[in-house]
Amino acid sequence: QVQLVESGGGLAQAGGSLRLSCAASGRTFSLYDMGWFRQAPGKEREFVAAISRSGVSTDYADSVKGRFTISRVNAKNTVYLQMNSLKVEDTAVYYCAATPGRYGSTTPKIVGYDYWGQGTQVTVSS
């Protein structure tokens, strides 16, 4: 089992920045590839970014490329999502998730992720 706890959400203005953190506990963090997803009201959960267990490989949804950066510090059992140039349409609950990599190290497939955090709300105002 892997337990994931997100933090860092809140209210930001359009054009501003937020940094989300996801702290992991339980099984060895470095054995898992990690992802960030988000779900806006009335919409399906969608892929945002993913990072391989070593941190070497990353992938992003087209909607956040160039604005968001995913990173991890295995020594701290933590994965981050730096969000810059925020837009109103980035408003959503953000979830981190862990995958053993059955669909590849930076898979956008929700079904590939075995463990999920409880989510943190990000609200961007105009």
N, C-alpha and C. Protein backbone atom coordinates (compact mmCIF):
# COMPACT_ATOMS: atom_id res chain seq x y z
N GLN A 1 0.82 -1.20 0.00
CA GLN A 1 0.00 0.00 0.00
C GLN A 1 0.86 1.25 0.00
N VAL A 2 0.40 2.24 -0.69
CA VAL A 2 1.03 3.56 -0.71
C VAL A 2 -0.03 4.58 -0.32
N GLN A 3 0.28 5.39 0.66
CA GLN A 3 -0.62 6.46 1.06
C GLN A 3 -0.09 7.77 0.49
N LEU A 4 -0.99 8.55 -0.09
CA LEU A 4 -0.62 9.81 -0.74
C LEU A 4 -1.44 10.95 -0.16
N VAL A 5 -0.77 12.04 0.19
CA VAL A 5 -1.45 13.20 0.75
C VAL A 5 -1.00 14.45 -0.01
N GLU A 6 -1.96 15.10 -0.68
CA GLU A 6 -1.66 16.32 -1.42
C GLU A 6 -1.79 17.54 -0.52
N SER A 7 -1.06 18.59 -0.87
CA SER A 7 -1.17 19.87 -0.18
C SER A 7 -0.74 20.97 -1.14
N GLY A 8 -1.03 22.21 -0.76
CA GLY A 8 -0.58 23.34 -1.55
C GLY A 8 -1.64 23.98 -2.42
N GLY A 9 -2.82 23.39 -2.44
CA GLY A 9 -3.89 23.99 -3.22
C GLY A 9 -4.38 25.28 -2.57
N GLY A 10 -5.23 25.99 -3.30
CA GLY A 10 -5.78 27.23 -2.77
C GLY A 10 -6.30 28.10 -3.88
N LEU A 11 -6.40 29.37 -3.57
CA LEU A 11 -6.92 30.35 -4.50
C LEU A 11 -5.77 31.16 -5.10
N ALA A 12 -5.78 31.32 -6.42
CA ALA A 12 -4.78 32.12 -7.10
C ALA A 12 -5.45 32.94 -8.17
N GLN A 13 -4.82 34.02 -8.54
CA GLN A 13 -5.33 34.85 -9.63
C GLN A 13 -4.78 34.33 -10.96
N ALA A 14 -5.50 34.58 -12.01
CA ALA A 14 -5.02 34.22 -13.34
C ALA A 14 -3.66 34.87 -13.57
N GLY A 15 -2.74 34.08 -14.10
CA GLY A 15 -1.38 34.55 -14.29
C GLY A 15 -0.46 34.26 -13.13
N GLY A 16 -1.04 33.83 -12.02
CA GLY A 16 -0.26 33.55 -10.84
C GLY A 16 0.29 32.13 -10.81
N SER A 17 0.83 31.75 -9.65
CA SER A 17 1.48 30.46 -9.50
C SER A 17 1.06 29.78 -8.21
N LEU A 18 1.11 28.46 -8.23
CA LEU A 18 0.93 27.63 -7.05
C LEU A 18 1.85 26.43 -7.19
N ARG A 19 2.28 25.88 -6.06
CA ARG A 19 3.04 24.64 -6.07
C ARG A 19 2.32 23.60 -5.22
N LEU A 20 1.97 22.51 -5.84
CA LEU A 20 1.35 21.40 -5.14
C LEU A 20 2.43 20.41 -4.72
N SER A 21 2.19 19.79 -3.57
CA SER A 21 3.07 18.75 -3.07
C SER A 21 2.24 17.49 -2.82
N CYS A 22 2.89 16.36 -2.95
CA CYS A 22 2.24 15.09 -2.65
C CYS A 22 3.24 14.25 -1.86
N ALA A 23 2.92 14.01 -0.61
CA ALA A 23 3.79 13.22 0.26
C ALA A 23 3.33 11.77 0.28
N ALA A 24 4.27 10.86 0.09
CA ALA A 24 3.95 9.44 0.03
C ALA A 24 4.49 8.73 1.26
N SER A 25 3.78 7.71 1.68
CA SER A 25 4.24 6.85 2.76
C SER A 25 3.80 5.42 2.45
N GLY A 26 4.41 4.49 3.16
CA GLY A 26 4.10 3.09 2.90
C GLY A 26 5.23 2.42 2.16
N ARG A 27 4.93 1.85 1.02
CA ARG A 27 5.95 1.16 0.25
C ARG A 27 6.97 2.13 -0.32
N THR A 28 8.08 1.60 -0.78
CA THR A 28 9.19 2.42 -1.25
C THR A 28 8.77 3.32 -2.39
N PHE A 29 8.84 4.61 -2.13
CA PHE A 29 8.39 5.63 -3.07
C PHE A 29 9.12 5.54 -4.40
N SER A 30 10.40 5.24 -4.36
CA SER A 30 11.21 5.24 -5.58
C SER A 30 10.87 4.09 -6.52
N LEU A 31 10.01 3.17 -6.09
CA LEU A 31 9.59 2.07 -6.96
C LEU A 31 8.40 2.44 -7.84
N TYR A 32 7.86 3.64 -7.63
CA TYR A 32 6.64 4.03 -8.33
C TYR A 32 6.86 5.24 -9.22
N ASP A 33 6.27 5.16 -10.41
CA ASP A 33 6.13 6.34 -11.23
C ASP A 33 4.92 7.12 -10.71
N MET A 34 4.96 8.43 -10.87
CA MET A 34 3.93 9.25 -10.25
C MET A 34 3.24 10.14 -11.29
N GLY A 35 1.99 10.45 -11.00
CA GLY A 35 1.24 11.30 -11.89
C GLY A 35 0.39 12.30 -11.14
N TRP A 36 0.03 13.37 -11.84
CA TRP A 36 -0.94 14.34 -11.35
C TRP A 36 -2.12 14.34 -12.33
N PHE A 37 -3.30 14.36 -11.75
CA PHE A 37 -4.54 14.42 -12.52
C PHE A 37 -5.39 15.53 -11.93
N ARG A 38 -6.43 15.93 -12.66
CA ARG A 38 -7.35 16.93 -12.13
C ARG A 38 -8.76 16.64 -12.60
N GLN A 39 -9.71 17.14 -11.81
CA GLN A 39 -11.12 16.96 -12.16
C GLN A 39 -11.87 18.23 -11.84
N ALA A 40 -12.41 18.83 -12.88
CA ALA A 40 -13.22 20.04 -12.73
C ALA A 40 -14.68 19.64 -12.53
N PRO A 41 -15.47 20.52 -11.94
CA PRO A 41 -16.89 20.20 -11.72
C PRO A 41 -17.60 19.81 -13.00
N GLY A 42 -18.30 18.69 -12.98
CA GLY A 42 -19.05 18.24 -14.14
C GLY A 42 -18.21 17.64 -15.25
N LYS A 43 -16.92 17.48 -15.02
CA LYS A 43 -16.04 16.92 -16.04
C LYS A 43 -15.36 15.65 -15.54
N GLU A 44 -14.84 14.87 -16.47
CA GLU A 44 -14.13 13.67 -16.11
C GLU A 44 -12.72 14.01 -15.61
N ARG A 45 -12.18 13.10 -14.84
CA ARG A 45 -10.81 13.27 -14.38
C ARG A 45 -9.87 13.20 -15.59
N GLU A 46 -8.88 14.09 -15.62
CA GLU A 46 -7.97 14.12 -16.76
C GLU A 46 -6.52 14.15 -16.31
N PHE A 47 -5.66 13.64 -17.19
CA PHE A 47 -4.23 13.61 -16.96
C PHE A 47 -3.65 15.01 -17.04
N VAL A 48 -2.70 15.29 -16.13
CA VAL A 48 -2.00 16.58 -16.14
C VAL A 48 -0.52 16.37 -16.44
N ALA A 49 0.14 15.52 -15.64
CA ALA A 49 1.58 15.33 -15.80
C ALA A 49 1.99 14.02 -15.14
N ALA A 50 3.12 13.48 -15.57
CA ALA A 50 3.65 12.27 -14.96
C ALA A 50 5.16 12.32 -14.96
N ILE A 51 5.75 11.56 -14.04
CA ILE A 51 7.20 11.52 -13.92
C ILE A 51 7.62 10.09 -13.59
N SER A 52 8.71 9.66 -14.19
CA SER A 52 9.20 8.31 -13.94
C SER A 52 9.81 8.20 -12.55
N ARG A 53 10.01 6.96 -12.09
CA ARG A 53 10.51 6.76 -10.73
C ARG A 53 11.88 7.38 -10.52
N SER A 54 12.69 7.46 -11.56
CA SER A 54 14.02 8.06 -11.43
C SER A 54 13.97 9.58 -11.55
N GLY A 55 12.87 10.09 -12.10
CA GLY A 55 12.74 11.51 -12.34
C GLY A 55 13.28 11.96 -13.68
N VAL A 56 13.81 11.04 -14.46
CA VAL A 56 14.44 11.40 -15.73
C VAL A 56 13.39 11.72 -16.80
N SER A 57 12.31 10.93 -16.81
CA SER A 57 11.29 11.10 -17.86
C SER A 57 10.06 11.80 -17.30
N THR A 58 9.53 12.73 -18.09
CA THR A 58 8.30 13.42 -17.73
C THR A 58 7.39 13.52 -18.95
N ASP A 59 6.12 13.74 -18.70
CA ASP A 59 5.15 13.92 -19.77
C ASP A 59 4.07 14.87 -19.28
N TYR A 60 3.49 15.62 -20.20
CA TYR A 60 2.50 16.62 -19.83
C TYR A 60 1.32 16.60 -20.80
N ALA A 61 0.17 16.96 -20.28
CA ALA A 61 -0.97 17.21 -21.15
C ALA A 61 -0.68 18.47 -21.97
N ASP A 62 -1.18 18.51 -23.18
CA ASP A 62 -0.94 19.66 -24.05
C ASP A 62 -1.41 20.97 -23.40
N SER A 63 -2.46 20.89 -22.62
CA SER A 63 -3.05 22.09 -22.03
C SER A 63 -2.17 22.74 -20.97
N VAL A 64 -1.17 22.01 -20.46
CA VAL A 64 -0.33 22.56 -19.40
C VAL A 64 1.14 22.66 -19.81
N LYS A 65 1.48 22.16 -20.97
CA LYS A 65 2.88 22.19 -21.41
C LYS A 65 3.40 23.62 -21.43
N GLY A 66 4.61 23.79 -20.89
CA GLY A 66 5.22 25.11 -20.85
C GLY A 66 4.79 25.95 -19.66
N ARG A 67 3.77 25.49 -18.94
CA ARG A 67 3.30 26.24 -17.76
C ARG A 67 3.50 25.45 -16.46
N PHE A 68 3.32 24.15 -16.52
CA PHE A 68 3.44 23.30 -15.33
C PHE A 68 4.72 22.48 -15.41
N THR A 69 5.29 22.20 -14.23
CA THR A 69 6.47 21.36 -14.14
C THR A 69 6.30 20.34 -13.03
N ILE A 70 6.48 19.08 -13.37
CA ILE A 70 6.43 18.01 -12.37
C ILE A 70 7.85 17.65 -11.97
N SER A 71 8.05 17.39 -10.70
CA SER A 71 9.36 16.98 -10.20
C SER A 71 9.17 16.09 -8.99
N ARG A 72 10.24 15.46 -8.56
CA ARG A 72 10.16 14.60 -7.38
C ARG A 72 11.50 14.60 -6.65
N VAL A 73 11.42 14.37 -5.35
CA VAL A 73 12.60 14.19 -4.51
C VAL A 73 12.40 12.88 -3.77
N ASN A 74 13.05 11.84 -4.25
CA ASN A 74 12.82 10.52 -3.66
C ASN A 74 13.27 10.45 -2.21
N ALA A 75 14.28 11.20 -1.86
CA ALA A 75 14.75 11.20 -0.48
C ALA A 75 13.71 11.77 0.48
N LYS A 76 12.78 12.57 -0.07
CA LYS A 76 11.71 13.15 0.74
C LYS A 76 10.37 12.49 0.49
N ASN A 77 10.35 11.45 -0.36
CA ASN A 77 9.10 10.76 -0.69
C ASN A 77 8.02 11.73 -1.15
N THR A 78 8.42 12.69 -1.97
CA THR A 78 7.50 13.75 -2.37
C THR A 78 7.59 14.03 -3.86
N VAL A 79 6.44 14.27 -4.45
CA VAL A 79 6.35 14.72 -5.84
C VAL A 79 5.68 16.08 -5.84
N TYR A 80 6.11 16.94 -6.75
CA TYR A 80 5.63 18.32 -6.80
C TYR A 80 5.00 18.62 -8.16
N LEU A 81 4.15 19.61 -8.17
CA LEU A 81 3.63 20.16 -9.41
C LEU A 81 3.69 21.68 -9.30
N GLN A 82 4.65 22.28 -9.99
CA GLN A 82 4.76 23.73 -10.04
C GLN A 82 3.86 24.24 -11.16
N MET A 83 2.93 25.09 -10.81
CA MET A 83 1.96 25.59 -11.78
C MET A 83 2.15 27.10 -11.94
N ASN A 84 2.57 27.51 -13.12
CA ASN A 84 2.77 28.93 -13.43
C ASN A 84 1.77 29.37 -14.50
N SER A 85 1.65 30.67 -14.64
CA SER A 85 0.75 31.25 -15.65
C SER A 85 -0.63 30.61 -15.58
N LEU A 86 -1.15 30.52 -14.39
CA LEU A 86 -2.43 29.84 -14.18
C LEU A 86 -3.55 30.51 -14.95
N LYS A 87 -4.49 29.67 -15.40
CA LYS A 87 -5.66 30.13 -16.13
C LYS A 87 -6.91 29.72 -15.36
N VAL A 88 -8.00 30.43 -15.62
CA VAL A 88 -9.26 30.10 -14.95
C VAL A 88 -9.62 28.64 -15.21
N GLU A 89 -9.34 28.16 -16.40
CA GLU A 89 -9.68 26.78 -16.75
C GLU A 89 -8.81 25.73 -16.06
N ASP A 90 -7.81 26.17 -15.29
CA ASP A 90 -7.04 25.22 -14.47
C ASP A 90 -7.75 24.90 -13.16
N THR A 91 -8.84 25.58 -12.88
CA THR A 91 -9.61 25.33 -11.66
C THR A 91 -10.12 23.90 -11.63
N ALA A 92 -9.76 23.18 -10.56
CA ALA A 92 -10.14 21.76 -10.45
C ALA A 92 -9.63 21.23 -9.11
N VAL A 93 -10.05 20.03 -8.79
CA VAL A 93 -9.42 19.28 -7.71
C VAL A 93 -8.26 18.51 -8.33
N TYR A 94 -7.10 18.64 -7.73
CA TYR A 94 -5.89 18.00 -8.25
C TYR A 94 -5.54 16.80 -7.39
N TYR A 95 -5.26 15.69 -8.05
CA TYR A 95 -4.94 14.44 -7.39
C TYR A 95 -3.56 13.96 -7.81
N CYS A 96 -2.80 13.44 -6.86
CA CYS A 96 -1.59 12.71 -7.25
C CYS A 96 -1.88 11.22 -7.18
N ALA A 97 -1.12 10.47 -7.94
CA ALA A 97 -1.35 9.03 -8.04
C ALA A 97 -0.04 8.31 -8.29
N ALA A 98 0.00 7.05 -7.90
CA ALA A 98 1.20 6.23 -8.04
C ALA A 98 0.91 5.01 -8.90
N THR A 99 1.84 4.69 -9.78
CA THR A 99 1.70 3.53 -10.65
C THR A 99 2.97 2.71 -10.65
N PRO A 100 2.80 1.38 -10.70
CA PRO A 100 3.99 0.52 -10.80
C PRO A 100 4.56 0.50 -12.21
N GLY A 101 3.88 1.18 -13.14
CA GLY A 101 4.42 1.33 -14.48
C GLY A 101 3.97 0.29 -15.48
N ARG A 102 2.81 -0.33 -15.24
CA ARG A 102 2.37 -1.38 -16.15
C ARG A 102 2.06 -0.87 -17.55
N TYR A 103 1.79 0.42 -17.70
CA TYR A 103 1.51 1.00 -19.02
C TYR A 103 2.63 1.94 -19.47
N GLY A 104 3.79 1.82 -18.85
CA GLY A 104 4.87 2.74 -19.18
C GLY A 104 5.11 3.70 -18.04
N SER A 105 6.28 4.29 -18.02
CA SER A 105 6.71 5.06 -16.85
C SER A 105 6.00 6.40 -16.71
N THR A 106 5.45 6.95 -17.76
CA THR A 106 4.77 8.24 -17.66
C THR A 106 3.40 8.16 -18.31
N THR A 107 2.70 7.09 -18.00
CA THR A 107 1.42 6.86 -18.65
C THR A 107 0.36 7.88 -18.25
N PRO A 108 -0.45 8.33 -19.20
CA PRO A 108 -1.59 9.20 -18.88
C PRO A 108 -2.86 8.40 -18.55
N LYS A 109 -2.76 7.07 -18.60
CA LYS A 109 -3.92 6.22 -18.41
C LYS A 109 -4.31 6.15 -16.93
N ILE A 110 -5.51 6.60 -16.62
CA ILE A 110 -5.98 6.57 -15.23
C ILE A 110 -5.98 5.16 -14.68
N VAL A 111 -6.34 4.19 -15.50
CA VAL A 111 -6.43 2.81 -15.03
C VAL A 111 -5.08 2.23 -14.65
N GLY A 112 -4.01 2.89 -15.06
CA GLY A 112 -2.68 2.40 -14.73
C GLY A 112 -2.23 2.74 -13.32
N TYR A 113 -2.95 3.62 -12.66
CA TYR A 113 -2.55 4.10 -11.35
C TYR A 113 -3.30 3.35 -10.25
N ASP A 114 -2.53 2.81 -9.32
CA ASP A 114 -3.12 1.98 -8.27
C ASP A 114 -3.48 2.75 -7.01
N TYR A 115 -2.78 3.81 -6.74
CA TYR A 115 -2.97 4.54 -5.49
C TYR A 115 -3.22 6.02 -5.78
N TRP A 116 -4.17 6.58 -5.01
CA TRP A 116 -4.60 7.96 -5.22
C TRP A 116 -4.65 8.71 -3.91
N GLY A 117 -4.35 10.01 -3.97
CA GLY A 117 -4.55 10.87 -2.82
C GLY A 117 -5.99 11.34 -2.76
N GLN A 118 -6.29 12.15 -1.76
CA GLN A 118 -7.66 12.61 -1.54
C GLN A 118 -7.99 13.86 -2.36
N GLY A 119 -6.97 14.48 -2.91
CA GLY A 119 -7.16 15.65 -3.76
C GLY A 119 -6.99 16.96 -3.02
N THR A 120 -6.62 17.99 -3.76
CA THR A 120 -6.52 19.34 -3.21
C THR A 120 -7.14 20.32 -4.21
N GLN A 121 -7.93 21.25 -3.70
CA GLN A 121 -8.66 22.17 -4.57
C GLN A 121 -7.76 23.31 -5.03
N VAL A 122 -7.79 23.56 -6.32
CA VAL A 122 -7.12 24.73 -6.90
C VAL A 122 -8.19 25.57 -7.59
N THR A 123 -8.27 26.82 -7.19
CA THR A 123 -9.24 27.74 -7.78
C THR A 123 -8.49 28.95 -8.33
N VAL A 124 -8.71 29.22 -9.60
CA VAL A 124 -8.06 30.35 -10.26
C VAL A 124 -9.12 31.37 -10.63
N SER A 125 -8.95 32.58 -10.14
CA SER A 125 -9.93 33.64 -10.41
C SER A 125 -9.40 34.58 -11.48
N SER A 126 -10.33 35.18 -12.19
CA SER A 126 -9.94 36.10 -13.28
C SER A 126 -9.70 37.50 -12.77
